[in-house]
């Protein structure tokens, strides 16, 4: 949930015309958060590596950051559909 909240903050930052530095700050905040939830065993290694890959591609590419937001929202949507109680 914390990761998704940060992704939503990233989305809002990207909606701003001059949100260039803001979105990069949010991306950099996601790395330690991902490491934390991975360390607690809340996400699998594969998801951690996938998210790291997306974030690395998004650091200097606003368009990729926008695509990352859409990818994560789609993952959450499918997860809710196939796992409605979690």
C-alpha atoms as a PDB file:
ATOM      1  CA  UNK A   1       0.000   0.000   0.000  1.00  0.00           C
ATOM      2  CA  UNK A   2       2.830   2.413   0.829  1.00  0.00           C
ATOM      3  CA  UNK A   3       4.398   1.807  -2.559  1.00  0.00           C
ATOM      4  CA  UNK A   4       1.114   2.461  -4.334  1.00  0.00           C
ATOM      5  CA  UNK A   5       0.632   5.685  -2.349  1.00  0.00           C
ATOM      6  CA  UNK A   6       4.026   6.889  -3.570  1.00  0.00           C
ATOM      7  CA  UNK A   7       3.117   5.889  -7.123  1.00  0.00           C
ATOM      8  CA  UNK A   8      -0.033   8.024  -6.821  1.00  0.00           C
ATOM      9  CA  UNK A   9       2.128  10.910  -5.571  1.00  0.00           C
ATOM     10  CA  UNK A  10       4.374  10.354  -8.586  1.00  0.00           C
ATOM     11  CA  UNK A  11       1.336  10.508 -10.853  1.00  0.00           C
ATOM     12  CA  UNK A  12       0.212  13.801  -9.314  1.00  0.00           C
ATOM     13  CA  UNK A  13       3.700  15.247  -9.646  1.00  0.00           C
ATOM     14  CA  UNK A  14       3.829  14.267 -13.313  1.00  0.00           C
ATOM     15  CA  UNK A  15       0.506  16.004 -13.939  1.00  0.00           C
ATOM     16  CA  UNK A  16       2.122  19.320 -13.041  1.00  0.00           C
ATOM     17  CA  UNK A  17       3.793  21.117 -15.930  1.00  0.00           C
ATOM     18  CA  UNK A  18       6.933  21.959 -13.953  1.00  0.00           C
ATOM     19  CA  UNK A  19       7.016  18.857 -11.745  1.00  0.00           C
ATOM     20  CA  UNK A  20      10.324  17.664 -13.162  1.00  0.00           C
ATOM     21  CA  UNK A  21      12.365  17.739  -9.967  1.00  0.00           C
ATOM     22  CA  UNK A  22       9.405  16.646  -7.842  1.00  0.00           C
ATOM     23  CA  UNK A  23       8.902  13.431  -9.755  1.00  0.00           C
ATOM     24  CA  UNK A  24      12.589  12.552  -9.490  1.00  0.00           C
ATOM     25  CA  UNK A  25      12.476  13.062  -5.713  1.00  0.00           C
ATOM     26  CA  UNK A  26       9.538  10.677  -5.453  1.00  0.00           C
ATOM     27  CA  UNK A  27      11.305   8.067  -7.572  1.00  0.00           C
ATOM     28  CA  UNK A  28      14.375   8.234  -5.342  1.00  0.00           C
ATOM     29  CA  UNK A  29      12.170   7.853  -2.253  1.00  0.00           C
ATOM     30  CA  UNK A  30      10.737   4.645  -3.696  1.00  0.00           C
ATOM     31  CA  UNK A  31      14.066   2.762  -3.699  1.00  0.00           C
ATOM     32  CA  UNK A  32      14.457   2.500   0.098  1.00  0.00           C
ATOM     33  CA  UNK A  33      10.739   1.828   0.503  1.00  0.00           C
ATOM     34  CA  UNK A  34      10.973  -1.083  -1.938  1.00  0.00           C
ATOM     35  CA  UNK A  35      14.048  -2.407  -0.137  1.00  0.00           C
ATOM     36  CA  UNK A  36      12.222  -2.182   3.185  1.00  0.00           C
ATOM     37  CA  UNK A  37       9.139  -4.106   2.056  1.00  0.00           C
ATOM     38  CA  UNK A  38      11.333  -6.668   0.302  1.00  0.00           C
ATOM     39  CA  UNK A  39      13.411  -7.089   3.464  1.00  0.00           C
ATOM     40  CA  UNK A  40      10.237  -7.738   5.452  1.00  0.00           C
ATOM     41  CA  UNK A  41       9.205 -10.384   2.923  1.00  0.00           C
ATOM     42  CA  UNK A  42       6.113  -8.481   1.793  1.00  0.00           C
ATOM     43  CA  UNK A  43       7.011  -8.568  -1.902  1.00  0.00           C
ATOM     44  CA  UNK A  44       8.811 -11.261  -3.898  1.00  0.00           C
ATOM     45  CA  UNK A  45      12.315 -10.762  -5.274  1.00  0.00           C
ATOM     46  CA  UNK A  46      11.000 -10.710  -8.849  1.00  0.00           C
ATOM     47  CA  UNK A  47       8.630  -7.815  -8.128  1.00  0.00           C
ATOM     48  CA  UNK A  48      11.416  -5.925  -6.374  1.00  0.00           C
ATOM     49  CA  UNK A  49      13.740  -6.346  -9.354  1.00  0.00           C
ATOM     50  CA  UNK A  50      10.964  -5.406 -11.798  1.00  0.00           C
ATOM     51  CA  UNK A  51      10.151  -2.224  -9.884  1.00  0.00           C
ATOM     52  CA  UNK A  52      13.834  -1.315  -9.632  1.00  0.00           C
ATOM     53  CA  UNK A  53      14.128  -1.738 -13.399  1.00  0.00           C
ATOM     54  CA  UNK A  54      11.121   0.524 -14.013  1.00  0.00           C
ATOM     55  CA  UNK A  55      12.380   3.176 -11.613  1.00  0.00           C
ATOM     56  CA  UNK A  56      15.872   3.175 -13.115  1.00  0.00           C
ATOM     57  CA  UNK A  57      14.375   3.763 -16.563  1.00  0.00           C
ATOM     58  CA  UNK A  58      12.130   6.518 -15.149  1.00  0.00           C
ATOM     59  CA  UNK A  59      14.797   8.538 -13.340  1.00  0.00           C
ATOM     60  CA  UNK A  60      15.682  10.701 -16.327  1.00  0.00           C
ATOM     61  CA  UNK A  61      12.750  10.057 -18.606  1.00  0.00           C
ATOM     62  CA  UNK A  62       9.444  11.712 -17.814  1.00  0.00           C
ATOM     63  CA  UNK A  63       7.582   9.674 -20.447  1.00  0.00           C
ATOM     64  CA  UNK A  64       8.851   6.420 -18.930  1.00  0.00           C
ATOM     65  CA  UNK A  65       7.826   7.655 -15.479  1.00  0.00           C
ATOM     66  CA  UNK A  66       4.302   8.165 -16.788  1.00  0.00           C
ATOM     67  CA  UNK A  67       4.336   4.647 -18.251  1.00  0.00           C
ATOM     68  CA  UNK A  68       5.622   3.266 -14.952  1.00  0.00           C
ATOM     69  CA  UNK A  69       2.635   4.777 -13.152  1.00  0.00           C
ATOM     70  CA  UNK A  70       0.272   3.120 -15.644  1.00  0.00           C
ATOM     71  CA  UNK A  71       2.055  -0.248 -15.356  1.00  0.00           C
ATOM     72  CA  UNK A  72       1.875  -0.242 -11.551  1.00  0.00           C
ATOM     73  CA  UNK A  73      -1.789   0.781 -11.596  1.00  0.00           C
ATOM     74  CA  UNK A  74      -2.505  -2.105 -13.990  1.00  0.00           C
ATOM     75  CA  UNK A  75      -0.656  -4.561 -11.728  1.00  0.00           C
ATOM     76  CA  UNK A  76      -2.660  -3.396  -8.712  1.00  0.00           C
ATOM     77  CA  UNK A  77      -5.886  -3.677 -10.701  1.00  0.00           C
ATOM     78  CA  UNK A  78      -5.154  -7.237 -11.790  1.00  0.00           C
ATOM     79  CA  UNK A  79      -4.037  -8.163  -8.293  1.00  0.00           C
ATOM     80  CA  UNK A  80      -7.321  -6.874  -6.850  1.00  0.00           C
ATOM     81  CA  UNK A  81      -9.289  -8.758  -9.516  1.00  0.00           C
ATOM     82  CA  UNK A  82      -7.555 -12.088  -8.935  1.00  0.00           C
ATOM     83  CA  UNK A  83      -7.109 -11.675  -5.152  1.00  0.00           C
ATOM     84  CA  UNK A  84     -10.187  -9.725  -3.979  1.00  0.00           C
ATOM     85  CA  UNK A  85      -9.630 -10.447  -0.271  1.00  0.00           C
ATOM     86  CA  UNK A  86      -6.028  -9.235  -0.098  1.00  0.00           C
END
